[in-house]
Amino acid sequence: MKLSALCAAAGIAFEGADTEGAGVEVTGFAIDHRKVAPGTVFGAFRGARFNGEDFIGAALQAGAAAVVCAEDAAGIEAFGDATLLTGPEPRRLFAQLAGAFFQPVPATLVAVTGTNGKTSTVELTRQLWRMAGERAASIGTLGITTSDETVSTGLTTPDVVTFLANLTGLAREGVSHVAYEASSHGLSQFRSEGPRVAAGAFTNLSRDHLDYHETMEAYFDAKMRLFDEVVVDEGTAVVWADDPWSDKAIARAQARGLRLFTVGTKGEALRLERRTPGTLGQQLEVEYEGRMHKVELPLIGAYQAANALVAAGLVLATGGDAARVFDAMKRLVTVRGRLERAAITGAGAPVYVDYAHTPDALEAAIAALRPHVAQAGRLIVVFGAGGDRDTGKRAQMGRVAAEGAEVVIVTDDNPRGEEPGAIRAMVLEGCAGANAQVREIGDRRTAIGAALQEARGGDIVLVAGKGHEQGQIIGSGEGTVVLPFDDVTVSREMTGANNQEH
């Protein structure tokens, strides 16, 4: 596609319509100057570690068709003869152009934002669509998941070029429905712009990423770009109505004029009337369009019920049949690393692995497992906190664990560039004063082993913080090392090689 035609398709005024650059054939997009080839549109953005503006010259020498950058980009006057597309939000401008280039995309797109539950919700949405006969996929922390494969991307929201290229690839493979995670970083950096998003969902909000956003209000505002700008004008906002931030999310959706679909005990569209925990799942009684439905959900925990119901809301909001949706919920499968039953110890204690790495998520995981602990049993929690991340949540996580469990083992998570012992000390400060038996074991494998050895019949072990992750990150910058480590695999190895319970 010619550059001028691409700008027109993206709704962007191209002042150089009569110049030689207007007729250049665009062949691709890149935000890494090393990936620029003749015909590539290069995005030169300022980042926390690198300034893309420093590589404008290199990109042009490599044959870039155009460069998208800020109006006040450093040294911009030196490239007067080049085709430069500038604006106050260059990332948004770049995303709009890329969205017009990467076509086709799946016909039905939905996005999920919130602190916790994004990964589970998009994957459960995919499962519900698949069971309804749709060719569906999910994109997020676990990678790209379809009915027959998973491809890791490594980020909750990949860069916009990867994201849009993935969507086009899925569409060409016949995928018609996609649910994706919209992280606060991705939304604030315009990583998932371009395609029409029919419905967006808000799960909840709790402390996380304040090292980046600084305040809860700024964090919330980043999430709300989903409702403010990304969902199409005639789209739907699916909101879990039982969160302290839900009313604010509802107000944002209403201000935009989106169709509102609230879910939960306070939900008006899909109301949860009763939830009864079972041995390996729970029974839900929900009201939808004046009719009661009973669902035997094969997932444990209140927050898993919330994730499943928000997923159902997204499917219903995009034209799903109610009877088929509620029937399919009975066959949902646990998402990798989200209250995943990894093993059962020789004494008969189940071992669950969960991605909970915030105070709210850890509290929810503990609350989910508590009803399944025997009357005389104990909940044993193994967890840590990540390095180079929000330090304020560490003591809060320690407090939550010590107040909710009988035995707490504080260990290393992903220390990254920090001293692991210093991180553990901050977590342990929050454990002080609680009745739980608290221990510190830095090595994560040893800590998991100690918990499994401690567990008796009637106990439950929760290994929290890393979930689906396959490695432990140590160091930072060029000194970063990722050691192979999987909580599920380690738990199974330590309970016997033939243990297949999960």
Protein backbone atom coordinates (compact mmCIF):
# COMPACT_ATOMS: atom_id res chain seq x y z
CA MET A 1 0.00 0.00 0.00
CA LYS A 2 1.29 3.47 -0.88
CA LEU A 3 2.15 5.67 2.10
CA SER A 4 -0.41 8.31 1.10
CA ALA A 5 -3.14 5.66 0.76
CA LEU A 6 -2.18 4.18 4.11
CA CYS A 7 -2.50 7.57 5.79
CA ALA A 8 -5.89 8.05 4.17
CA ALA A 9 -7.05 4.61 5.37
CA ALA A 10 -5.92 5.48 8.89
CA GLY A 11 -7.69 8.85 8.79
CA ILE A 12 -4.42 10.76 9.06
CA ALA A 13 -3.77 13.90 7.06
CA PHE A 14 -0.62 13.53 4.97
CA GLU A 15 0.76 16.95 4.15
CA GLY A 16 3.26 15.57 1.67
CA ALA A 17 0.67 14.20 -0.72
CA ASP A 18 2.52 15.66 -3.73
CA THR A 19 5.98 14.60 -2.62
CA GLU A 20 8.00 11.59 -3.68
CA GLY A 21 7.40 10.01 -0.26
CA ALA A 22 3.67 9.79 -0.89
CA GLY A 23 4.20 7.14 -3.53
CA VAL A 24 6.53 4.94 -1.48
CA GLU A 25 5.25 1.41 -1.00
CA VAL A 26 4.94 0.51 2.69
CA THR A 27 6.16 -3.02 3.38
CA GLY A 28 6.08 -3.21 7.18
CA PHE A 29 6.38 -1.53 10.56
CA ALA A 30 9.10 -1.59 13.23
CA ILE A 31 9.95 0.04 16.54
CA ASP A 32 13.45 -1.47 16.55
CA HIS A 33 15.72 0.26 14.02
CA ARG A 34 17.56 -3.02 13.50
CA LYS A 35 14.40 -4.49 11.95
CA VAL A 36 13.96 -1.69 9.44
CA ALA A 37 14.06 -2.70 5.75
CA PRO A 38 13.21 -0.71 2.62
CA GLY A 39 9.58 0.38 2.89
CA THR A 40 9.32 0.05 6.68
CA VAL A 41 7.57 2.69 8.78
CA PHE A 42 9.78 3.26 11.82
CA GLY A 43 8.38 4.34 15.20
CA ALA A 44 10.93 6.48 17.04
CA PHE A 45 9.66 6.69 20.61
CA ARG A 46 11.15 7.85 23.88
CA GLY A 47 11.35 5.02 26.40
CA ALA A 48 12.58 4.39 29.92
CA ARG A 49 15.77 2.70 28.71
CA PHE A 50 16.21 3.78 25.08
CA ASN A 51 15.28 6.81 23.01
CA GLY A 52 14.15 5.74 19.56
CA GLU A 53 14.79 9.26 18.27
CA ASP A 54 18.52 8.48 18.48
CA PHE A 55 18.08 5.92 15.69
CA ILE A 56 16.10 7.96 13.14
CA GLY A 57 19.18 8.40 10.97
CA ALA A 58 19.97 4.69 11.03
CA ALA A 59 16.39 3.82 10.12
CA LEU A 60 16.40 6.20 7.17
CA GLN A 61 19.70 4.82 5.95
CA ALA A 62 18.16 1.33 6.09
CA GLY A 63 15.39 2.48 3.74
CA ALA A 64 12.56 3.48 6.08
CA ALA A 65 9.56 4.77 4.10
CA ALA A 66 8.67 7.15 6.91
CA VAL A 67 9.45 7.87 10.53
CA VAL A 68 6.81 8.52 13.17
CA CYS A 69 8.12 10.67 16.02
CA ALA A 70 7.32 13.50 18.38
CA GLU A 71 6.99 17.04 17.02
CA ASP A 72 9.96 18.10 19.13
CA ALA A 73 12.15 15.07 18.46
CA ALA A 74 15.81 15.77 19.09
CA GLY A 75 17.71 16.66 15.92
CA ILE A 76 14.58 16.51 13.77
CA GLU A 77 15.75 19.49 11.71
CA ALA A 78 18.58 17.36 10.31
CA PHE A 79 16.11 15.12 8.50
CA GLY A 80 14.20 17.80 6.64
CA ASP A 81 14.13 15.87 3.35
CA ALA A 82 12.83 12.69 4.95
CA THR A 83 9.18 11.75 5.37
CA LEU A 84 8.48 12.43 9.04
CA LEU A 85 5.01 11.96 10.50
CA THR A 86 4.80 13.82 13.77
CA GLY A 87 2.22 14.44 16.47
CA PRO A 88 1.78 15.03 20.19
CA GLU A 89 1.18 11.27 20.72
CA PRO A 90 3.50 9.53 18.26
CA ARG A 91 2.72 6.08 19.66
CA ARG A 92 -0.98 6.61 18.93
CA LEU A 93 -0.20 7.90 15.43
CA PHE A 94 2.03 4.89 14.74
CA ALA A 95 -0.64 2.50 16.02
CA GLN A 96 -3.30 4.06 13.79
CA LEU A 97 -1.10 3.62 10.74
CA ALA A 98 -0.18 0.07 11.69
CA GLY A 99 -3.83 -0.76 12.29
CA ALA A 100 -4.66 0.26 8.73
CA PHE A 101 -1.73 -1.78 7.38
CA PHE A 102 -2.25 -5.04 9.25
CA GLN A 103 -5.41 -6.41 7.68
CA PRO A 104 -7.53 -8.46 7.92
CA VAL A 105 -8.20 -8.92 11.63
CA PRO A 106 -10.71 -11.24 13.33
CA ALA A 107 -14.27 -9.96 13.11
CA THR A 108 -14.98 -10.05 16.84
CA LEU A 109 -12.47 -8.60 19.29
CA VAL A 110 -12.89 -8.14 23.04
CA ALA A 111 -10.38 -6.85 25.60
CA VAL A 112 -10.06 -7.32 29.36
CA THR A 113 -8.42 -4.92 31.80
CA GLY A 114 -8.06 -4.88 35.58
CA THR A 115 -5.39 -5.81 38.11
CA ASN A 116 -6.29 -9.48 38.58
CA GLY A 117 -8.14 -11.99 36.47
CA LYS A 118 -7.22 -10.78 32.98
CA THR A 119 -5.43 -13.96 31.92
CA SER A 120 -8.14 -16.27 33.21
CA THR A 121 -10.95 -14.17 31.79
CA VAL A 122 -9.60 -13.99 28.23
CA GLU A 123 -8.80 -17.70 28.21
CA LEU A 124 -12.20 -18.66 29.63
CA THR A 125 -13.82 -16.42 27.01
CA ARG A 126 -11.92 -18.30 24.33
CA GLN A 127 -13.07 -21.62 25.76
CA LEU A 128 -16.71 -20.52 25.78
CA TRP A 129 -16.50 -19.36 22.18
CA ARG A 130 -14.79 -22.57 21.13
CA MET A 131 -17.49 -24.70 22.75
CA ALA A 132 -20.05 -22.63 20.83
CA GLY A 133 -18.35 -23.65 17.59
CA GLU A 134 -16.36 -20.47 16.93
CA ARG A 135 -12.73 -20.36 15.78
CA ALA A 136 -11.36 -18.44 18.75
CA ALA A 137 -8.07 -17.38 20.32
CA SER A 138 -6.81 -15.51 23.37
CA ILE A 139 -3.76 -13.25 23.64
CA GLY A 140 -2.02 -12.34 26.87
CA THR A 141 0.42 -13.40 29.55
CA LEU A 142 0.24 -17.05 28.48
CA GLY A 143 0.90 -16.14 24.85
CA ILE A 144 -1.44 -16.80 21.95
CA THR A 145 -3.78 -19.67 22.74
CA THR A 146 -5.92 -21.32 20.10
CA SER A 147 -7.65 -24.68 20.08
CA ASP A 148 -4.49 -26.38 18.83
CA GLU A 149 -1.43 -24.36 19.86
CA THR A 150 0.18 -21.85 22.20
CA VAL A 151 2.86 -19.37 21.11
CA SER A 152 4.56 -17.40 23.85
CA THR A 153 4.94 -13.64 23.47
CA GLY A 154 6.42 -12.93 26.90
CA LEU A 155 4.33 -9.84 27.67
CA THR A 156 0.76 -9.28 28.84
CA THR A 157 0.38 -6.84 25.96
CA PRO A 158 3.11 -7.25 23.29
CA ASP A 159 4.32 -4.26 21.26
CA VAL A 160 1.79 -2.93 18.79
CA VAL A 161 3.55 -4.37 15.71
CA THR A 162 3.63 -7.87 17.19
CA PHE A 163 0.06 -7.53 18.44
CA LEU A 164 -1.39 -6.44 15.11
CA ALA A 165 0.70 -8.92 13.12
CA ASN A 166 -0.59 -11.68 15.39
CA LEU A 167 -4.18 -10.61 14.82
CA THR A 168 -3.70 -10.64 11.06
CA GLY A 169 -2.06 -14.04 11.22
CA LEU A 170 -4.94 -15.42 13.26
CA ALA A 171 -7.51 -13.98 10.85
CA ARG A 172 -5.76 -15.59 7.89
CA GLU A 173 -5.89 -18.91 9.74
CA GLY A 174 -9.66 -18.56 10.00
CA VAL A 175 -9.91 -17.27 13.58
CA SER A 176 -12.98 -15.05 13.90
CA HIS A 177 -13.07 -14.32 17.66
CA VAL A 178 -10.21 -13.04 19.84
CA ALA A 179 -10.09 -12.02 23.50
CA TYR A 180 -6.96 -10.20 24.66
CA GLU A 181 -5.50 -8.76 27.84
CA ALA A 182 -5.27 -4.97 27.94
CA SER A 183 -2.68 -4.13 30.58
CA SER A 184 -2.24 -0.67 32.04
CA HIS A 185 1.21 -0.44 30.42
CA GLY A 186 -0.16 -1.55 27.07
CA LEU A 187 -3.05 0.90 27.20
CA SER A 188 -0.92 3.85 28.27
CA GLN A 189 1.64 3.08 25.55
CA PHE A 190 -0.97 2.50 22.79
CA ARG A 191 0.15 -1.09 22.21
CA SER A 192 -3.30 -2.43 21.33
CA GLU A 193 -4.74 0.34 19.16
CA GLY A 194 -6.22 0.11 15.71
CA PRO A 195 -8.75 -2.71 15.38
CA ARG A 196 -12.40 -2.39 16.33
CA VAL A 197 -12.98 -3.72 19.84
CA ALA A 198 -16.62 -4.71 20.27
CA ALA A 199 -16.55 -5.08 24.05
CA GLY A 200 -14.19 -4.33 26.91
CA ALA A 201 -14.27 -5.78 30.42
CA PHE A 202 -13.11 -4.44 33.79
CA THR A 203 -12.41 -7.07 36.45
CA ASN A 204 -11.09 -5.20 39.51
CA LEU A 205 -8.42 -2.80 40.70
CA SER A 206 -5.90 -3.18 43.51
CA ARG A 207 -2.37 -2.06 44.20
CA ASP A 208 0.11 -2.98 41.48
CA HIS A 209 2.55 -1.27 39.11
CA LEU A 210 2.75 1.88 41.22
CA ASP A 211 6.45 1.99 40.40
CA TYR A 212 5.24 2.96 36.91
CA HIS A 213 1.93 4.78 37.47
CA GLU A 214 2.82 6.27 40.89
CA THR A 215 -0.79 6.68 42.13
CA MET A 216 -3.87 4.48 42.15
CA GLU A 217 -5.79 7.20 40.32
CA ALA A 218 -3.24 7.29 37.50
CA TYR A 219 -3.25 3.48 37.39
CA PHE A 220 -7.04 3.48 37.12
CA ASP A 221 -7.01 6.15 34.41
CA ALA A 222 -4.60 4.02 32.38
CA LYS A 223 -7.00 1.07 32.65
CA MET A 224 -9.95 3.24 31.66
CA ARG A 225 -8.48 4.10 28.29
CA LEU A 226 -10.14 0.82 27.31
CA PHE A 227 -13.57 2.37 27.88
CA ASP A 228 -12.62 5.95 27.05
CA GLU A 229 -11.09 5.31 23.65
CA VAL A 230 -10.41 1.71 22.60
CA VAL A 231 -13.89 0.15 22.61
CA VAL A 232 -15.90 1.32 19.59
CA ASP A 233 -18.61 3.95 20.07
CA GLU A 234 -21.43 1.44 19.86
CA GLY A 235 -19.56 -1.12 21.95
CA THR A 236 -20.20 -2.70 25.34
CA ALA A 237 -18.53 -2.30 28.73
CA VAL A 238 -18.70 -5.48 30.81
CA VAL A 239 -18.01 -4.58 34.45
CA TRP A 240 -17.59 -6.81 37.48
CA ALA A 241 -19.87 -4.80 39.78
CA ASP A 242 -18.60 -6.06 43.15
CA ASP A 243 -15.22 -4.30 43.23
CA PRO A 244 -14.63 -1.04 45.17
CA TRP A 245 -13.58 0.62 41.89
CA SER A 246 -16.53 -0.72 39.89
CA ASP A 247 -18.75 2.34 40.28
CA LYS A 248 -16.00 4.55 38.88
CA ALA A 249 -15.53 2.17 35.95
CA ILE A 250 -19.28 2.17 35.34
CA ALA A 251 -19.32 5.97 35.38
CA ARG A 252 -16.54 6.08 32.77
CA ALA A 253 -18.44 3.69 30.51
CA GLN A 254 -21.63 5.71 30.89
CA ALA A 255 -19.81 8.97 30.16
CA ARG A 256 -18.59 7.44 26.92
CA GLY A 257 -22.10 6.25 26.06
CA LEU A 258 -21.19 2.56 25.91
CA ARG A 259 -23.77 -0.14 26.45
CA LEU A 260 -23.39 -1.30 30.07
CA PHE A 261 -23.34 -5.00 31.04
CA THR A 262 -22.72 -5.41 34.80
CA VAL A 263 -21.90 -8.76 36.37
CA GLY A 264 -21.80 -10.05 39.97
CA THR A 265 -23.94 -9.99 43.10
CA LYS A 266 -24.57 -6.32 42.29
CA GLY A 267 -24.81 -6.99 38.57
CA GLU A 268 -27.92 -5.94 36.70
CA ALA A 269 -27.28 -7.80 33.43
CA LEU A 270 -25.88 -11.04 34.88
CA ARG A 271 -26.58 -11.35 38.59
CA LEU A 272 -24.90 -13.91 40.85
CA GLU A 273 -27.59 -14.96 43.33
CA ARG A 274 -25.79 -17.77 45.13
CA ARG A 275 -22.40 -19.47 45.15
CA THR A 276 -21.92 -22.82 46.89
CA PRO A 277 -18.35 -24.22 47.17
CA GLY A 278 -17.89 -27.92 46.42
CA THR A 279 -15.03 -30.37 46.70
CA LEU A 280 -13.53 -29.65 43.28
CA GLY A 281 -15.68 -26.80 42.09
CA GLN A 282 -18.73 -24.70 42.96
CA GLN A 283 -22.36 -24.29 42.07
CA LEU A 284 -23.48 -20.91 40.79
CA GLU A 285 -27.04 -19.68 40.59
CA VAL A 286 -27.27 -16.74 38.21
CA GLU A 287 -30.08 -14.64 36.79
CA TYR A 288 -30.00 -13.49 33.19
CA GLU A 289 -32.87 -11.79 31.38
CA GLY A 290 -35.33 -12.79 34.08
CA ARG A 291 -34.43 -16.51 34.12
CA MET A 292 -32.45 -18.44 36.74
CA HIS A 293 -29.65 -20.75 35.65
CA LYS A 294 -27.70 -23.28 37.73
CA VAL A 295 -24.09 -23.79 36.71
CA GLU A 296 -21.78 -26.47 38.08
CA LEU A 297 -18.52 -24.59 37.62
CA PRO A 298 -15.49 -26.96 37.76
CA LEU A 299 -13.22 -24.22 39.19
CA ILE A 300 -12.72 -23.37 42.85
CA GLY A 301 -12.74 -19.96 44.48
CA ALA A 302 -14.86 -16.83 44.43
CA TYR A 303 -12.54 -15.02 42.07
CA GLN A 304 -12.63 -17.91 39.58
CA ALA A 305 -16.39 -17.59 39.62
CA ALA A 306 -15.97 -13.87 38.93
CA ASN A 307 -13.61 -14.55 36.03
CA ALA A 308 -15.95 -17.12 34.51
CA LEU A 309 -18.97 -14.82 34.82
CA VAL A 310 -17.15 -11.87 33.24
CA ALA A 311 -16.11 -14.19 30.41
CA ALA A 312 -19.73 -15.25 30.02
CA GLY A 313 -20.69 -11.57 29.97
CA LEU A 314 -18.29 -10.88 27.11
CA VAL A 315 -19.65 -13.78 25.09
CA LEU A 316 -23.26 -12.76 25.74
CA ALA A 317 -22.48 -9.12 24.95
CA THR A 318 -21.10 -10.11 21.55
CA GLY A 319 -24.07 -12.21 20.50
CA GLY A 320 -23.61 -15.51 22.33
CA ASP A 321 -26.60 -17.74 23.02
CA ALA A 322 -27.40 -17.82 26.75
CA ALA A 323 -28.34 -21.50 26.96
CA ARG A 324 -25.14 -22.57 25.22
CA VAL A 325 -23.00 -20.22 27.32
CA PHE A 326 -24.29 -21.49 30.67
CA ASP A 327 -24.04 -25.11 29.53
CA ALA A 328 -20.46 -24.58 28.35
CA MET A 329 -19.45 -23.09 31.70
CA LYS A 330 -19.81 -26.58 33.17
CA ARG A 331 -16.87 -27.70 31.03
CA LEU A 332 -14.41 -24.86 31.59
CA VAL A 333 -10.82 -25.84 32.33
CA THR A 334 -8.48 -24.19 34.83
CA VAL A 335 -6.05 -21.74 33.28
CA ARG A 336 -2.35 -22.57 33.63
CA GLY A 337 -0.97 -21.31 36.94
CA ARG A 338 -4.29 -19.92 38.18
CA LEU A 339 -5.29 -21.99 41.22
CA GLU A 340 -3.94 -24.94 39.28
CA ARG A 341 -3.90 -28.17 41.28
CA ALA A 342 -0.35 -29.27 40.61
CA ALA A 343 0.00 -32.34 42.79
CA ILE A 344 -1.11 -34.23 45.88
CA THR A 345 1.44 -35.06 48.57
CA GLY A 346 1.97 -38.54 49.90
CA ALA A 347 -0.04 -37.52 52.98
CA GLY A 348 -2.97 -36.55 50.75
CA ALA A 349 -2.61 -32.75 50.84
CA PRO A 350 -3.39 -31.02 47.51
CA VAL A 351 -0.85 -28.50 46.19
CA TYR A 352 -2.14 -25.47 44.28
CA VAL A 353 -0.05 -23.06 42.22
CA ASP A 354 -1.29 -19.53 41.63
CA TYR A 355 0.07 -16.39 39.96
CA ALA A 356 -1.04 -14.15 42.86
CA HIS A 357 1.63 -11.47 43.21
CA THR A 358 -0.32 -8.58 44.74
CA PRO A 359 -1.90 -8.28 48.20
CA ASP A 360 -5.42 -8.45 46.76
CA ALA A 361 -4.69 -11.46 44.56
CA LEU A 362 -2.97 -13.33 47.39
CA GLU A 363 -5.90 -12.64 49.69
CA ALA A 364 -8.31 -13.88 47.02
CA ALA A 365 -6.34 -17.09 46.48
CA ILE A 366 -6.25 -17.78 50.23
CA ALA A 367 -9.99 -17.09 50.49
CA ALA A 368 -10.63 -19.43 47.57
CA LEU A 369 -8.81 -22.33 49.21
CA ARG A 370 -9.96 -21.78 52.81
CA PRO A 371 -13.37 -23.53 52.41
CA HIS A 372 -11.55 -26.64 51.14
CA VAL A 373 -9.22 -26.98 54.14
CA ALA A 374 -10.36 -29.70 56.56
CA GLN A 375 -11.72 -28.58 59.93
CA ALA A 376 -8.52 -29.55 61.69
CA GLY A 377 -6.34 -28.82 58.68
CA ARG A 378 -4.00 -25.98 57.88
CA LEU A 379 -3.36 -23.71 54.91
CA ILE A 380 0.37 -23.57 54.11
CA VAL A 381 1.44 -20.67 51.90
CA VAL A 382 4.76 -20.34 50.09
CA PHE A 383 5.38 -16.98 48.42
CA GLY A 384 7.75 -14.06 47.89
CA ALA A 385 7.79 -10.70 46.13
CA GLY A 386 9.41 -9.57 42.90
CA GLY A 387 12.43 -7.30 42.81
CA ASP A 388 12.59 -3.95 40.98
CA ARG A 389 8.85 -3.57 41.40
CA ASP A 390 6.49 -1.70 43.75
CA THR A 391 8.09 -2.08 47.18
CA GLY A 392 5.01 -0.84 49.06
CA LYS A 393 3.06 -4.01 48.45
CA ARG A 394 5.59 -6.35 50.05
CA ALA A 395 4.65 -5.86 53.70
CA GLN A 396 0.98 -5.88 52.71
CA MET A 397 1.44 -9.30 51.11
CA GLY A 398 3.17 -10.54 54.25
CA ARG A 399 0.28 -9.34 56.38
CA VAL A 400 -2.32 -10.96 54.11
CA ALA A 401 -0.49 -14.31 54.17
CA ALA A 402 0.12 -14.33 57.93
CA GLU A 403 -3.48 -13.41 58.70
CA GLY A 404 -4.98 -15.92 56.27
CA ALA A 405 -2.79 -19.00 56.65
CA GLU A 406 -1.59 -21.18 59.52
CA VAL A 407 1.90 -21.69 58.07
CA VAL A 408 3.78 -19.13 55.96
CA ILE A 409 7.10 -19.71 54.22
CA VAL A 410 8.61 -16.54 52.76
CA THR A 411 10.93 -17.27 49.86
CA ASP A 412 12.36 -15.68 46.72
CA ASP A 413 10.19 -14.81 43.75
CA ASN A 414 12.03 -13.02 40.90
CA PRO A 415 14.68 -10.98 42.75
CA ARG A 416 15.86 -9.27 39.56
CA GLY A 417 18.37 -6.54 40.46
CA GLU A 418 17.66 -6.39 44.21
CA GLU A 419 19.23 -8.22 47.12
CA PRO A 420 16.87 -11.17 47.75
CA GLY A 421 17.31 -11.04 51.51
CA ALA A 422 16.26 -7.39 51.59
CA ILE A 423 13.07 -8.22 49.70
CA ARG A 424 12.25 -11.07 52.08
CA ALA A 425 12.87 -8.79 55.07
CA MET A 426 10.27 -6.32 53.79
CA VAL A 427 7.74 -9.13 53.36
CA LEU A 428 8.51 -10.50 56.82
CA GLU A 429 7.84 -7.10 58.39
CA GLY A 430 4.23 -7.47 57.34
CA CYS A 431 4.02 -10.96 58.89
CA ALA A 432 4.90 -9.69 62.36
CA GLY A 433 2.24 -9.98 65.04
CA ALA A 434 0.06 -12.57 63.29
CA ASN A 435 -0.65 -16.00 64.75
CA ALA A 436 0.73 -17.89 61.78
CA GLN A 437 3.90 -19.92 62.00
CA VAL A 438 6.29 -17.93 59.77
CA ARG A 439 9.58 -19.13 58.31
CA GLU A 440 12.11 -17.72 55.86
CA ILE A 441 13.70 -20.03 53.29
CA GLY A 442 15.37 -18.12 50.48
CA ASP A 443 15.81 -20.92 47.94
CA ARG A 444 12.43 -21.43 46.29
CA ARG A 445 12.84 -25.14 45.58
CA THR A 446 13.84 -25.78 49.18
CA ALA A 447 10.91 -23.69 50.42
CA ILE A 448 8.41 -25.67 48.33
CA GLY A 449 9.97 -28.91 49.54
CA ALA A 450 9.64 -27.80 53.16
CA ALA A 451 5.97 -26.96 52.65
CA LEU A 452 5.23 -30.34 51.06
CA GLN A 453 7.03 -32.17 53.85
CA GLU A 454 5.12 -30.15 56.44
CA ALA A 455 1.68 -30.87 54.91
CA ARG A 456 -0.56 -33.47 56.50
CA GLY A 457 -3.86 -34.96 55.42
CA GLY A 458 -6.50 -32.24 55.55
CA ASP A 459 -3.96 -29.48 54.81
CA ILE A 460 -3.68 -27.50 51.57
CA VAL A 461 -0.46 -26.03 50.17
CA LEU A 462 -0.55 -22.84 48.11
CA VAL A 463 2.57 -21.87 46.13
CA ALA A 464 1.93 -18.30 45.03
CA GLY A 465 3.53 -15.59 42.94
CA LYS A 466 4.88 -17.16 39.76
CA GLY A 467 2.03 -19.30 38.43
CA HIS A 468 2.68 -20.19 34.79
CA GLU A 469 6.22 -18.71 34.70
CA GLN A 470 8.96 -21.03 33.52
CA GLY A 471 11.94 -19.21 34.98
CA GLN A 472 13.30 -17.26 37.94
CA ILE A 473 14.78 -13.85 37.03
CA ILE A 474 17.98 -12.89 38.82
CA GLY A 475 19.99 -9.75 38.12
CA SER A 476 19.19 -6.78 35.90
CA GLY A 477 20.32 -5.23 32.65
CA GLU A 478 23.08 -7.12 30.85
CA GLY A 479 23.64 -9.19 34.00
CA THR A 480 20.15 -10.69 33.95
CA VAL A 481 20.00 -14.47 34.26
CA VAL A 482 16.79 -16.51 33.94
CA LEU A 483 17.08 -19.83 35.74
CA PRO A 484 14.66 -22.55 34.63
CA PHE A 485 11.99 -22.86 37.31
CA ASP A 486 8.36 -23.94 37.20
CA ASP A 487 6.37 -24.15 40.46
CA VAL A 488 4.08 -26.83 39.01
CA THR A 489 6.94 -28.99 37.78
CA VAL A 490 8.87 -28.64 41.03
CA SER A 491 5.79 -29.56 43.08
CA ARG A 492 5.22 -32.66 40.97
CA GLU A 493 8.85 -33.71 41.14
CA MET A 494 8.83 -33.44 44.91
CA THR A 495 5.64 -35.45 45.32
CA GLY A 496 6.80 -38.27 43.06
CA ALA A 497 7.52 -38.57 39.35
CA ASN A 498 4.31 -40.53 38.75
CA ASN A 499 2.06 -37.98 40.43
CA GLN A 500 -0.42 -36.91 37.76
CA GLU A 501 -2.91 -35.07 39.94
CA HIS A 502 -3.63 -31.61 38.57
